[in-house]
PDB file of N, CA and C in Angstrom:
ATOM      1  N   UNK A   1       0.843  -1.196   0.000  1.00  0.00           N
ATOM      2  CA  UNK A   1       0.000   0.000   0.000  1.00  0.00           C
ATOM      3  C   UNK A   1       0.878   1.245   0.000  1.00  0.00           C
ATOM      4  N   UNK A   2       0.412   2.247  -0.729  1.00  0.00           N
ATOM      5  CA  UNK A   2       1.162   3.496  -0.826  1.00  0.00           C
ATOM      6  C   UNK A   2       1.023   4.292   0.467  1.00  0.00           C
ATOM      7  N   UNK A   3       2.081   4.995   0.807  1.00  0.00           N
ATOM      8  CA  UNK A   3       2.033   5.861   1.985  1.00  0.00           C
ATOM      9  C   UNK A   3       1.112   7.043   1.688  1.00  0.00           C
ATOM     10  N   UNK A   4       0.413   7.495   2.698  1.00  0.00           N
ATOM     11  CA  UNK A   4      -0.525   8.612   2.522  1.00  0.00           C
ATOM     12  C   UNK A   4       0.225   9.935   2.625  1.00  0.00           C
ATOM     13  N   UNK A   5       0.792  10.378   1.509  1.00  0.00           N
ATOM     14  CA  UNK A   5       1.478  11.662   1.476  1.00  0.00           C
ATOM     15  C   UNK A   5       0.471  12.785   1.345  1.00  0.00           C
ATOM     16  N   UNK A   6       0.960  14.003   1.100  1.00  0.00           N
ATOM     17  CA  UNK A   6       0.051  15.144   1.021  1.00  0.00           C
ATOM     18  C   UNK A   6      -0.586  15.285  -0.359  1.00  0.00           C
ATOM     19  N   UNK A   7       0.047  14.692  -1.403  1.00  0.00           N
ATOM     20  CA  UNK A   7      -0.496  14.807  -2.753  1.00  0.00           C
ATOM     21  C   UNK A   7      -1.569  13.769  -3.028  1.00  0.00           C
ATOM     22  N   UNK A   8      -2.307  13.961  -4.117  1.00  0.00           N
ATOM     23  CA  UNK A   8      -3.343  13.003  -4.498  1.00  0.00           C
ATOM     24  C   UNK A   8      -4.695  13.367  -3.936  1.00  0.00           C
ATOM     25  N   UNK A   9      -5.718  12.843  -4.579  1.00  0.00           N
ATOM     26  CA  UNK A   9      -7.107  13.158  -4.223  1.00  0.00           C
ATOM     27  C   UNK A   9      -7.415  12.802  -2.769  1.00  0.00           C
ATOM     28  N   UNK A  10      -8.170  13.689  -2.119  1.00  0.00           N
ATOM     29  CA  UNK A  10      -8.641  13.461  -0.751  1.00  0.00           C
ATOM     30  C   UNK A  10     -10.150  13.665  -0.741  1.00  0.00           C
ATOM     31  N   UNK A  11     -10.861  12.711  -0.134  1.00  0.00           N
ATOM     32  CA  UNK A  11     -12.305  12.825   0.072  1.00  0.00           C
ATOM     33  C   UNK A  11     -12.539  13.304   1.503  1.00  0.00           C
ATOM     34  N   UNK A  12     -13.400  14.288   1.650  1.00  0.00           N
ATOM     35  CA  UNK A  12     -13.761  14.869   2.949  1.00  0.00           C
ATOM     36  C   UNK A  12     -15.233  14.501   3.165  1.00  0.00           C
ATOM     37  N   UNK A  13     -15.496  13.637   4.134  1.00  0.00           N
ATOM     38  CA  UNK A  13     -16.843  13.119   4.356  1.00  0.00           C
ATOM     39  C   UNK A  13     -17.370  13.605   5.703  1.00  0.00           C
ATOM     40  N   UNK A  14     -18.581  14.159   5.684  1.00  0.00           N
ATOM     41  CA  UNK A  14     -19.235  14.608   6.908  1.00  0.00           C
ATOM     42  C   UNK A  14     -20.550  13.855   7.043  1.00  0.00           C
ATOM     43  N   UNK A  15     -20.717  13.139   8.140  1.00  0.00           N
ATOM     44  CA  UNK A  15     -21.991  12.496   8.466  1.00  0.00           C
ATOM     45  C   UNK A  15     -22.694  13.410   9.453  1.00  0.00           C
ATOM     46  N   UNK A  16     -23.960  13.720   9.193  1.00  0.00           N
ATOM     47  CA  UNK A  16     -24.664  14.714  10.001  1.00  0.00           C
ATOM     48  C   UNK A  16     -25.961  14.182  10.585  1.00  0.00           C
ATOM     49  N   UNK A  17     -26.172  14.548  11.841  1.00  0.00           N
ATOM     50  CA  UNK A  17     -27.471  14.376  12.503  1.00  0.00           C
ATOM     51  C   UNK A  17     -27.899  15.784  12.898  1.00  0.00           C
ATOM     52  N   UNK A  18     -28.941  16.288  12.232  1.00  0.00           N
ATOM     53  CA  UNK A  18     -29.393  17.655  12.481  1.00  0.00           C
ATOM     54  C   UNK A  18     -30.301  17.734  13.699  1.00  0.00           C
ATOM     55  N   UNK A  19     -30.324  18.900  14.332  1.00  0.00           N
ATOM     56  CA  UNK A  19     -31.233  19.134  15.458  1.00  0.00           C
ATOM     57  C   UNK A  19     -32.671  19.068  14.959  1.00  0.00           C
ATOM     58  N   UNK A  20     -33.572  18.656  15.841  1.00  0.00           N
ATOM     59  CA  UNK A  20     -34.983  18.468  15.475  1.00  0.00           C
ATOM     60  C   UNK A  20     -35.636  19.725  14.930  1.00  0.00           C
ATOM     61  N   UNK A  21     -35.200  20.892  15.424  1.00  0.00           N
ATOM     62  CA  UNK A  21     -35.861  22.141  15.013  1.00  0.00           C
ATOM     63  C   UNK A  21     -35.489  22.601  13.608  1.00  0.00           C
ATOM     64  N   UNK A  22     -34.546  21.924  12.950  1.00  0.00           N
ATOM     65  CA  UNK A  22     -34.142  22.319  11.600  1.00  0.00           C
ATOM     66  C   UNK A  22     -35.235  21.874  10.620  1.00  0.00           C
ATOM     67  N   UNK A  23     -35.886  22.861   9.993  1.00  0.00           N
ATOM     68  CA  UNK A  23     -36.997  22.578   9.078  1.00  0.00           C
ATOM     69  C   UNK A  23     -36.467  22.081   7.731  1.00  0.00           C
ATOM     70  N   UNK A  24     -37.303  21.404   6.956  1.00  0.00           N
ATOM     71  CA  UNK A  24     -36.884  20.973   5.612  1.00  0.00           C
ATOM     72  C   UNK A  24     -36.434  22.151   4.746  1.00  0.00           C
ATOM     73  N   UNK A  25     -37.086  23.302   4.882  1.00  0.00           N
ATOM     74  CA  UNK A  25     -36.715  24.486   4.108  1.00  0.00           C
ATOM     75  C   UNK A  25     -35.319  24.971   4.498  1.00  0.00           C
ATOM     76  N   UNK A  26     -35.055  24.992   5.793  1.00  0.00           N
ATOM     77  CA  UNK A  26     -33.741  25.420   6.296  1.00  0.00           C
ATOM     78  C   UNK A  26     -32.671  24.437   5.840  1.00  0.00           C
ATOM     79  N   UNK A  27     -32.986  23.160   5.883  1.00  0.00           N
ATOM     80  CA  UNK A  27     -32.060  22.120   5.444  1.00  0.00           C
ATOM     81  C   UNK A  27     -31.725  22.289   3.962  1.00  0.00           C
ATOM     82  N   UNK A  28     -32.728  22.602   3.166  1.00  0.00           N
ATOM     83  CA  UNK A  28     -32.515  22.833   1.737  1.00  0.00           C
ATOM     84  C   UNK A  28     -31.566  24.016   1.528  1.00  0.00           C
ATOM     85  N   UNK A  29     -31.759  25.096   2.291  1.00  0.00           N
ATOM     86  CA  UNK A  29     -30.866  26.268   2.212  1.00  0.00           C
ATOM     87  C   UNK A  29     -29.431  25.886   2.565  1.00  0.00           C
ATOM     88  N   UNK A  30     -29.283  25.088   3.618  1.00  0.00           N
ATOM     89  CA  UNK A  30     -27.952  24.672   4.063  1.00  0.00           C
ATOM     90  C   UNK A  30     -27.244  23.842   2.992  1.00  0.00           C
ATOM     91  N   UNK A  31     -27.973  22.910   2.397  1.00  0.00           N
ATOM     92  CA  UNK A  31     -27.382  22.045   1.373  1.00  0.00           C
ATOM     93  C   UNK A  31     -26.966  22.871   0.161  1.00  0.00           C
ATOM     94  N   UNK A  32     -27.804  23.836  -0.232  1.00  0.00           N
ATOM     95  CA  UNK A  32     -27.447  24.712  -1.351  1.00  0.00           C
ATOM     96  C   UNK A  32     -26.204  25.542  -1.007  1.00  0.00           C
ATOM     97  N   UNK A  33     -26.125  25.999   0.219  1.00  0.00           N
ATOM     98  CA  UNK A  33     -24.960  26.761   0.662  1.00  0.00           C
ATOM     99  C   UNK A  33     -23.694  25.917   0.650  1.00  0.00           C
ATOM    100  N   UNK A  34     -23.821  24.682   1.108  1.00  0.00           N
ATOM    101  CA  UNK A  34     -22.684  23.761   1.129  1.00  0.00           C
ATOM    102  C   UNK A  34     -22.221  23.504  -0.310  1.00  0.00           C
ATOM    103  N   UNK A  35     -23.156  23.184  -1.187  1.00  0.00           N
ATOM    104  CA  UNK A  35     -22.826  22.921  -2.595  1.00  0.00           C
ATOM    105  C   UNK A  35     -22.189  24.141  -3.251  1.00  0.00           C
ATOM    106  N   UNK A  36     -22.611  25.339  -2.858  1.00  0.00           N
ATOM    107  CA  UNK A  36     -22.092  26.565  -3.427  1.00  0.00           C
ATOM    108  C   UNK A  36     -20.628  26.819  -3.116  1.00  0.00           C
ATOM    109  N   UNK A  37     -20.105  26.129  -2.099  1.00  0.00           N
ATOM    110  CA  UNK A  37     -18.697  26.311  -1.750  1.00  0.00           C
ATOM    111  C   UNK A  37     -17.766  25.852  -2.881  1.00  0.00           C
ATOM    112  N   UNK A  38     -18.226  24.931  -3.731  1.00  0.00           N
ATOM    113  CA  UNK A  38     -17.409  24.457  -4.857  1.00  0.00           C
ATOM    114  C   UNK A  38     -17.011  25.623  -5.751  1.00  0.00           C
ATOM    115  N   UNK A  39     -17.906  26.587  -5.921  1.00  0.00           N
ATOM    116  CA  UNK A  39     -17.623  27.742  -6.780  1.00  0.00           C
ATOM    117  C   UNK A  39     -16.799  28.818  -6.071  1.00  0.00           C
ATOM    118  N   UNK A  40     -16.673  28.715  -4.758  1.00  0.00           N
ATOM    119  CA  UNK A  40     -15.992  29.750  -3.980  1.00  0.00           C
ATOM    120  C   UNK A  40     -14.611  29.340  -3.482  1.00  0.00           C
ATOM    121  N   UNK A  41     -14.402  28.043  -3.311  1.00  0.00           N
ATOM    122  CA  UNK A  41     -13.141  27.530  -2.769  1.00  0.00           C
ATOM    123  C   UNK A  41     -12.399  26.777  -3.879  1.00  0.00           C
ATOM    124  N   UNK A  42     -11.308  27.350  -4.410  1.00  0.00           N
ATOM    125  CA  UNK A  42     -10.616  26.748  -5.553  1.00  0.00           C
ATOM    126  C   UNK A  42     -10.173  25.297  -5.352  1.00  0.00           C
ATOM    127  N   UNK A  43      -9.766  24.930  -4.134  1.00  0.00           N
ATOM    128  CA  UNK A  43      -9.258  23.570  -3.907  1.00  0.00           C
ATOM    129  C   UNK A  43     -10.369  22.519  -3.818  1.00  0.00           C
ATOM    130  N   UNK A  44     -11.628  22.960  -3.697  1.00  0.00           N
ATOM    131  CA  UNK A  44     -12.766  22.035  -3.613  1.00  0.00           C
ATOM    132  C   UNK A  44     -13.212  21.699  -5.037  1.00  0.00           C
ATOM    133  N   UNK A  45     -12.990  20.464  -5.442  1.00  0.00           N
ATOM    134  CA  UNK A  45     -13.211  20.058  -6.829  1.00  0.00           C
ATOM    135  C   UNK A  45     -14.602  19.494  -7.096  1.00  0.00           C
ATOM    136  N   UNK A  46     -15.249  18.898  -6.097  1.00  0.00           N
ATOM    137  CA  UNK A  46     -16.574  18.304  -6.294  1.00  0.00           C
ATOM    138  C   UNK A  46     -17.296  18.201  -4.959  1.00  0.00           C
ATOM    139  N   UNK A  47     -18.624  18.124  -5.031  1.00  0.00           N
ATOM    140  CA  UNK A  47     -19.466  17.993  -3.841  1.00  0.00           C
ATOM    141  C   UNK A  47     -20.638  17.082  -4.177  1.00  0.00           C
ATOM    142  N   UNK A  48     -20.891  16.119  -3.302  1.00  0.00           N
ATOM    143  CA  UNK A  48     -22.061  15.245  -3.420  1.00  0.00           C
ATOM    144  C   UNK A  48     -22.688  15.115  -2.037  1.00  0.00           C
ATOM    145  N   UNK A  49     -23.965  14.861  -2.021  1.00  0.00           N
ATOM    146  CA  UNK A  49     -24.633  14.645  -0.737  1.00  0.00           C
ATOM    147  C   UNK A  49     -25.767  13.645  -0.940  1.00  0.00           C
ATOM    148  N   UNK A  50     -26.239  13.099   0.153  1.00  0.00           N
ATOM    149  CA  UNK A  50     -27.375  12.192   0.102  1.00  0.00           C
ATOM    150  C   UNK A  50     -27.885  11.911   1.501  1.00  0.00           C
ATOM    151  N   UNK A  51     -29.017  11.221   1.549  1.00  0.00           N
ATOM    152  CA  UNK A  51     -29.596  10.822   2.828  1.00  0.00           C
ATOM    153  C   UNK A  51     -29.525   9.300   2.945  1.00  0.00           C
ATOM    154  N   UNK A  52     -29.582   8.828   4.171  1.00  0.00           N
ATOM    155  CA  UNK A  52     -29.477   7.398   4.435  1.00  0.00           C
ATOM    156  C   UNK A  52     -30.627   6.631   3.792  1.00  0.00           C
ATOM    157  N   UNK A  53     -30.300   5.598   3.033  1.00  0.00           N
ATOM    158  CA  UNK A  53     -31.308   4.728   2.412  1.00  0.00           C
ATOM    159  C   UNK A  53     -31.050   3.264   2.755  1.00  0.00           C
ATOM    160  N   UNK A  54     -30.177   3.036   3.728  1.00  0.00           N
ATOM    161  CA  UNK A  54     -29.792   1.675   4.079  1.00  0.00           C
ATOM    162  C   UNK A  54     -30.933   0.909   4.743  1.00  0.00           C
ATOM    163  N   UNK A  55     -31.012  -0.377   4.453  1.00  0.00           N
ATOM    164  CA  UNK A  55     -32.006  -1.236   5.116  1.00  0.00           C
ATOM    165  C   UNK A  55     -31.444  -1.855   6.394  1.00  0.00           C
ATOM    166  N   UNK A  56     -30.151  -1.603   6.672  1.00  0.00           N
ATOM    167  CA  UNK A  56     -29.512  -2.227   7.829  1.00  0.00           C
ATOM    168  C   UNK A  56     -29.802  -1.529   9.149  1.00  0.00           C
ATOM    169  N   UNK A  57     -30.319  -0.300   9.095  1.00  0.00           N
ATOM    170  CA  UNK A  57     -30.663   0.464  10.292  1.00  0.00           C
ATOM    171  C   UNK A  57     -29.480   0.602  11.255  1.00  0.00           C
ATOM    172  N   UNK A  58     -28.318   0.933  10.709  1.00  0.00           N
ATOM    173  CA  UNK A  58     -27.120   1.104  11.533  1.00  0.00           C
ATOM    174  C   UNK A  58     -26.624   2.553  11.500  1.00  0.00           C
ATOM    175  N   UNK A  59     -27.488   3.480  11.091  1.00  0.00           N
ATOM    176  CA  UNK A  59     -27.099   4.881  10.898  1.00  0.00           C
ATOM    177  C   UNK A  59     -26.900   5.661  12.185  1.00  0.00           C
ATOM    178  N   UNK A  60     -27.350   5.119  13.314  1.00  0.00           N
ATOM    179  CA  UNK A  60     -27.202   5.763  14.626  1.00  0.00           C
ATOM    180  C   UNK A  60     -27.751   7.186  14.660  1.00  0.00           C
ATOM    181  N   UNK A  61     -28.781   7.443  13.862  1.00  0.00           N
ATOM    182  CA  UNK A  61     -29.410   8.762  13.848  1.00  0.00           C
ATOM    183  C   UNK A  61     -28.809   9.732  12.851  1.00  0.00           C
ATOM    184  N   UNK A  62     -27.712   9.343  12.209  1.00  0.00           N
ATOM    185  CA  UNK A  62     -27.117  10.191  11.181  1.00  0.00           C
ATOM    186  C   UNK A  62     -27.960  10.039   9.917  1.00  0.00           C
ATOM    187  N   UNK A  63     -28.430  11.162   9.395  1.00  0.00           N
ATOM    188  CA  UNK A  63     -29.361  11.114   8.266  1.00  0.00           C
ATOM    189  C   UNK A  63     -28.754  11.577   6.952  1.00  0.00           C
ATOM    190  N   UNK A  64     -27.725  12.426   7.015  1.00  0.00           N
ATOM    191  CA  UNK A  64     -27.163  13.030   5.805  1.00  0.00           C
ATOM    192  C   UNK A  64     -25.665  12.765   5.686  1.00  0.00           C
ATOM    193  N   UNK A  65     -25.232  12.583   4.441  1.00  0.00           N
ATOM    194  CA  UNK A  65     -23.814  12.415   4.124  1.00  0.00           C
ATOM    195  C   UNK A  65     -23.425  13.513   3.137  1.00  0.00           C
ATOM    196  N   UNK A  66     -22.321  14.196   3.423  1.00  0.00           N
ATOM    197  CA  UNK A  66     -21.793  15.225   2.541  1.00  0.00           C
ATOM    198  C   UNK A  66     -20.360  14.837   2.190  1.00  0.00           C
ATOM    199  N   UNK A  67     -20.072  14.742   0.892  1.00  0.00           N
ATOM    200  CA  UNK A  67     -18.735  14.344   0.454  1.00  0.00           C
ATOM    201  C   UNK A  67     -18.155  15.402  -0.478  1.00  0.00           C
ATOM    202  N   UNK A  68     -16.999  15.919  -0.092  1.00  0.00           N
ATOM    203  CA  UNK A  68     -16.292  16.897  -0.914  1.00  0.00           C
ATOM    204  C   UNK A  68     -14.990  16.269  -1.389  1.00  0.00           C
ATOM    205  N   UNK A  69     -14.569  16.640  -2.596  1.00  0.00           N
ATOM    206  CA  UNK A  69     -13.335  16.117  -3.169  1.00  0.00           C
ATOM    207  C   UNK A  69     -12.324  17.245  -3.314  1.00  0.00           C
ATOM    208  N   UNK A  70     -11.095  16.946  -2.900  1.00  0.00           N
ATOM    209  CA  UNK A  70      -9.999  17.907  -2.958  1.00  0.00           C
ATOM    210  C   UNK A  70      -8.813  17.287  -3.674  1.00  0.00           C
ATOM    211  N   UNK A  71      -7.900  18.144  -4.165  1.00  0.00           N
ATOM    212  CA  UNK A  71      -6.751  17.648  -4.922  1.00  0.00           C
ATOM    213  C   UNK A  71      -5.654  17.120  -4.000  1.00  0.00           C
ATOM    214  N   UNK A  72      -5.700  17.484  -2.710  1.00  0.00           N
ATOM    215  CA  UNK A  72      -4.629  17.097  -1.784  1.00  0.00           C
ATOM    216  C   UNK A  72      -5.056  17.413  -0.352  1.00  0.00           C
ATOM    217  N   UNK A  73      -4.255  16.938   0.607  1.00  0.00           N
ATOM    218  CA  UNK A  73      -4.515  17.301   2.003  1.00  0.00           C
ATOM    219  C   UNK A  73      -4.312  18.808   2.196  1.00  0.00           C
ATOM    220  N   UNK A  74      -3.375  19.390   1.442  1.00  0.00           N
ATOM    221  CA  UNK A  74      -3.179  20.842   1.515  1.00  0.00           C
ATOM    222  C   UNK A  74      -4.441  21.559   1.034  1.00  0.00           C
ATOM    223  N   UNK A  75      -5.123  20.977   0.041  1.00  0.00           N
ATOM    224  CA  UNK A  75      -6.373  21.548  -0.459  1.00  0.00           C
ATOM    225  C   UNK A  75      -7.466  21.530   0.596  1.00  0.00           C
ATOM    226  N   UNK A  76      -7.506  20.473   1.415  1.00  0.00           N
ATOM    227  CA  UNK A  76      -8.481  20.414   2.510  1.00  0.00           C
ATOM    228  C   UNK A  76      -8.186  21.512   3.515  1.00  0.00           C
ATOM    229  N   UNK A  77      -6.912  21.711   3.819  1.00  0.00           N
ATOM    230  CA  UNK A  77      -6.518  22.770   4.765  1.00  0.00           C
ATOM    231  C   UNK A  77      -6.928  24.142   4.225  1.00  0.00           C
ATOM    232  N   UNK A  78      -6.696  24.381   2.935  1.00  0.00           N
ATOM    233  CA  UNK A  78      -7.107  25.650   2.309  1.00  0.00           C
ATOM    234  C   UNK A  78      -8.612  25.850   2.457  1.00  0.00           C
ATOM    235  N   UNK A  79      -9.377  24.774   2.229  1.00  0.00           N
ATOM    236  CA  UNK A  79     -10.845  24.811   2.348  1.00  0.00           C
ATOM    237  C   UNK A  79     -11.261  25.167   3.768  1.00  0.00           C
ATOM    238  N   UNK A  80     -10.678  24.488   4.738  1.00  0.00           N
ATOM    239  CA  UNK A  80     -11.049  24.704   6.142  1.00  0.00           C
ATOM    240  C   UNK A  80     -10.797  26.153   6.555  1.00  0.00           C
ATOM    241  N   UNK A  81      -9.719  26.741   6.025  1.00  0.00           N
ATOM    242  CA  UNK A  81      -9.344  28.107   6.398  1.00  0.00           C
ATOM    243  C   UNK A  81      -9.971  29.179   5.510  1.00  0.00           C
ATOM    244  N   UNK A  82     -10.587  28.777   4.404  1.00  0.00           N
ATOM    245  CA  UNK A  82     -11.149  29.740   3.449  1.00  0.00           C
ATOM    246  C   UNK A  82     -12.297  30.524   4.101  1.00  0.00           C
ATOM    247  N   UNK A  83     -12.330  31.858   3.929  1.00  0.00           N
ATOM    248  CA  UNK A  83     -13.387  32.677   4.549  1.00  0.00           C
ATOM    249  C   UNK A  83     -14.809  32.214   4.208  1.00  0.00           C
ATOM    250  N   UNK A  84     -15.051  31.746   2.984  1.00  0.00           N
ATOM    251  CA  UNK A  84     -16.394  31.282   2.616  1.00  0.00           C
ATOM    252  C   UNK A  84     -16.778  30.038   3.411  1.00  0.00           C
ATOM    253  N   UNK A  85     -15.817  29.142   3.650  1.00  0.00           N
ATOM    254  CA  UNK A  85     -16.094  27.939   4.444  1.00  0.00           C
ATOM    255  C   UNK A  85     -16.301  28.305   5.907  1.00  0.00           C
ATOM    256  N   UNK A  86     -15.468  29.192   6.421  1.00  0.00           N
ATOM    257  CA  UNK A  86     -15.592  29.616   7.822  1.00  0.00           C
ATOM    258  C   UNK A  86     -16.978  30.219   8.059  1.00  0.00           C
ATOM    259  N   UNK A  87     -17.407  31.076   7.155  1.00  0.00           N
ATOM    260  CA  UNK A  87     -18.726  31.711   7.274  1.00  0.00           C
ATOM    261  C   UNK A  87     -19.832  30.658   7.226  1.00  0.00           C
ATOM    262  N   UNK A  88     -19.727  29.719   6.274  1.00  0.00           N
ATOM    263  CA  UNK A  88     -20.736  28.671   6.158  1.00  0.00           C
ATOM    264  C   UNK A  88     -20.740  27.773   7.391  1.00  0.00           C
ATOM    265  N   UNK A  89     -19.564  27.370   7.858  1.00  0.00           N
ATOM    266  CA  UNK A  89     -19.463  26.487   9.026  1.00  0.00           C
ATOM    267  C   UNK A  89     -20.094  27.138  10.261  1.00  0.00           C
ATOM    268  N   UNK A  90     -19.929  28.444  10.396  1.00  0.00           N
ATOM    269  CA  UNK A  90     -20.526  29.157  11.537  1.00  0.00           C
ATOM    270  C   UNK A  90     -22.044  29.115  11.504  1.00  0.00           C
ATOM    271  N   UNK A  91     -22.614  28.956  10.323  1.00  0.00           N
ATOM    272  CA  UNK A  91     -24.060  28.847  10.162  1.00  0.00           C
ATOM    273  C   UNK A  91     -24.520  27.384  10.289  1.00  0.00           C
ATOM    274  N   UNK A  92     -23.731  26.480   9.734  1.00  0.00           N
ATOM    275  CA  UNK A  92     -24.078  25.058   9.612  1.00  0.00           C
ATOM    276  C   UNK A  92     -23.892  24.271  10.918  1.00  0.00           C
ATOM    277  N   UNK A  93     -22.713  24.397  11.512  1.00  0.00           N
ATOM    278  CA  UNK A  93     -22.360  23.558  12.663  1.00  0.00           C
ATOM    279  C   UNK A  93     -23.296  23.699  13.861  1.00  0.00           C
ATOM    280  N   UNK A  94     -23.788  24.906  14.196  1.00  0.00           N
ATOM    281  CA  UNK A  94     -24.696  25.005  15.350  1.00  0.00           C
ATOM    282  C   UNK A  94     -26.029  24.252  15.159  1.00  0.00           C
ATOM    283  N   UNK A  95     -26.356  23.901  13.919  1.00  0.00           N
ATOM    284  CA  UNK A  95     -27.611  23.204  13.647  1.00  0.00           C
ATOM    285  C   UNK A  95     -27.465  21.685  13.697  1.00  0.00           C
ATOM    286  N   UNK A  96     -26.256  21.221  13.987  1.00  0.00           N
ATOM    287  CA  UNK A  96     -26.009  19.785  14.066  1.00  0.00           C
ATOM    288  C   UNK A  96     -26.162  19.281  15.484  1.00  0.00           C
ATOM    289  N   UNK A  97     -26.867  18.183  15.627  1.00  0.00           N
ATOM    290  CA  UNK A  97     -26.947  17.478  16.904  1.00  0.00           C
ATOM    291  C   UNK A  97     -25.623  16.743  17.115  1.00  0.00           C
ATOM    292  N   UNK A  98     -25.116  16.164  16.022  1.00  0.00           N
ATOM    293  CA  UNK A  98     -23.888  15.393  16.081  1.00  0.00           C
ATOM    294  C   UNK A  98     -23.306  15.294  14.674  1.00  0.00           C
ATOM    295  N   UNK A  99     -21.982  15.178  14.589  1.00  0.00           N
ATOM    296  CA  UNK A  99     -21.332  15.044  13.286  1.00  0.00           C
ATOM    297  C   UNK A  99     -20.094  14.173  13.411  1.00  0.00           C
ATOM    298  N   UNK A 100     -19.759  13.530  12.308  1.00  0.00           N
ATOM    299  CA  UNK A 100     -18.501  12.805  12.171  1.00  0.00           C
ATOM    300  C   UNK A 100     -17.866  13.311  10.886  1.00  0.00           C
ATOM    301  N   UNK A 101     -16.578  13.649  10.948  1.00  0.00           N
ATOM    302  CA  UNK A 101     -15.859  14.078   9.753  1.00  0.00           C
ATOM    303  C   UNK A 101     -14.656  13.164   9.563  1.00  0.00           C
ATOM    304  N   UNK A 102     -14.525  12.640   8.359  1.00  0.00           N
ATOM    305  CA  UNK A 102     -13.388  11.789   8.018  1.00  0.00           C
ATOM    306  C   UNK A 102     -12.828  12.260   6.683  1.00  0.00           C
ATOM    307  N   UNK A 103     -11.516  12.436   6.641  1.00  0.00           N
ATOM    308  CA  UNK A 103     -10.815  12.716   5.386  1.00  0.00           C
ATOM    309  C   UNK A 103     -10.041  11.455   5.036  1.00  0.00           C
ATOM    310  N   UNK A 104     -10.135  11.025   3.782  1.00  0.00           N
ATOM    311  CA  UNK A 104      -9.393   9.833   3.384  1.00  0.00           C
ATOM    312  C   UNK A 104      -8.921   9.957   1.954  1.00  0.00           C
ATOM    313  N   UNK A 105      -7.891   9.186   1.646  1.00  0.00           N
ATOM    314  CA  UNK A 105      -7.338   9.112   0.290  1.00  0.00           C
ATOM    315  C   UNK A 105      -7.858   7.816  -0.319  1.00  0.00           C
ATOM    316  N   UNK A 106      -8.700   7.905  -1.357  1.00  0.00           N
ATOM    317  CA  UNK A 106      -9.247   6.688  -1.957  1.00  0.00           C
ATOM    318  C   UNK A 106      -8.109   5.779  -2.439  1.00  0.00           C
ATOM    319  N   UNK A 107      -8.208   4.523  -2.063  1.00  0.00           N
ATOM    320  CA  UNK A 107      -7.190   3.550  -2.396  1.00  0.00           C
ATOM    321  C   UNK A 107      -7.837   2.340  -3.039  1.00  0.00           C
ATOM    322  N   UNK A 108      -7.344   1.961  -4.202  1.00  0.00           N
ATOM    323  CA  UNK A 108      -7.844   0.761  -4.870  1.00  0.00           C
ATOM    324  C   UNK A 108      -7.076  -0.446  -4.358  1.00  0.00           C
ATOM    325  N   UNK A 109      -7.744  -1.568  -4.246  1.00  0.00           N
ATOM    326  CA  UNK A 109      -7.098  -2.811  -3.851  1.00  0.00           C
ATOM    327  C   UNK A 109      -6.513  -3.446  -5.112  1.00  0.00           C
ATOM    328  N   UNK A 110      -5.233  -3.726  -5.083  1.00  0.00           N
ATOM    329  CA  UNK A 110      -4.567  -4.324  -6.255  1.00  0.00           C
ATOM    330  C   UNK A 110      -4.705  -5.835  -6.253  1.00  0.00           C
TER     331      UNK A 110
END
């Protein structure tokens, strides 16, 4: 297996459990805001999101998945520090009951 250096694609995954008071309309605004970061943060190359559809019922209350793609770990750092992300995070994070964030480098099995 290759060592996880700073170069190469990095996936930034956020699993979210929103507070009960977050309305569907507010959630829609948040998702649009999150997706809009792709146009504002140069190192953010792609954004996908979805809701849990698993039949295994192992989601532990996490309902939404947000996945961003970056060119490198340095790109993730640029994103985290970017003023547009900071502003969005200040709006988004207080509405979460709980979150898990994982950054990983996709690796194919040879």
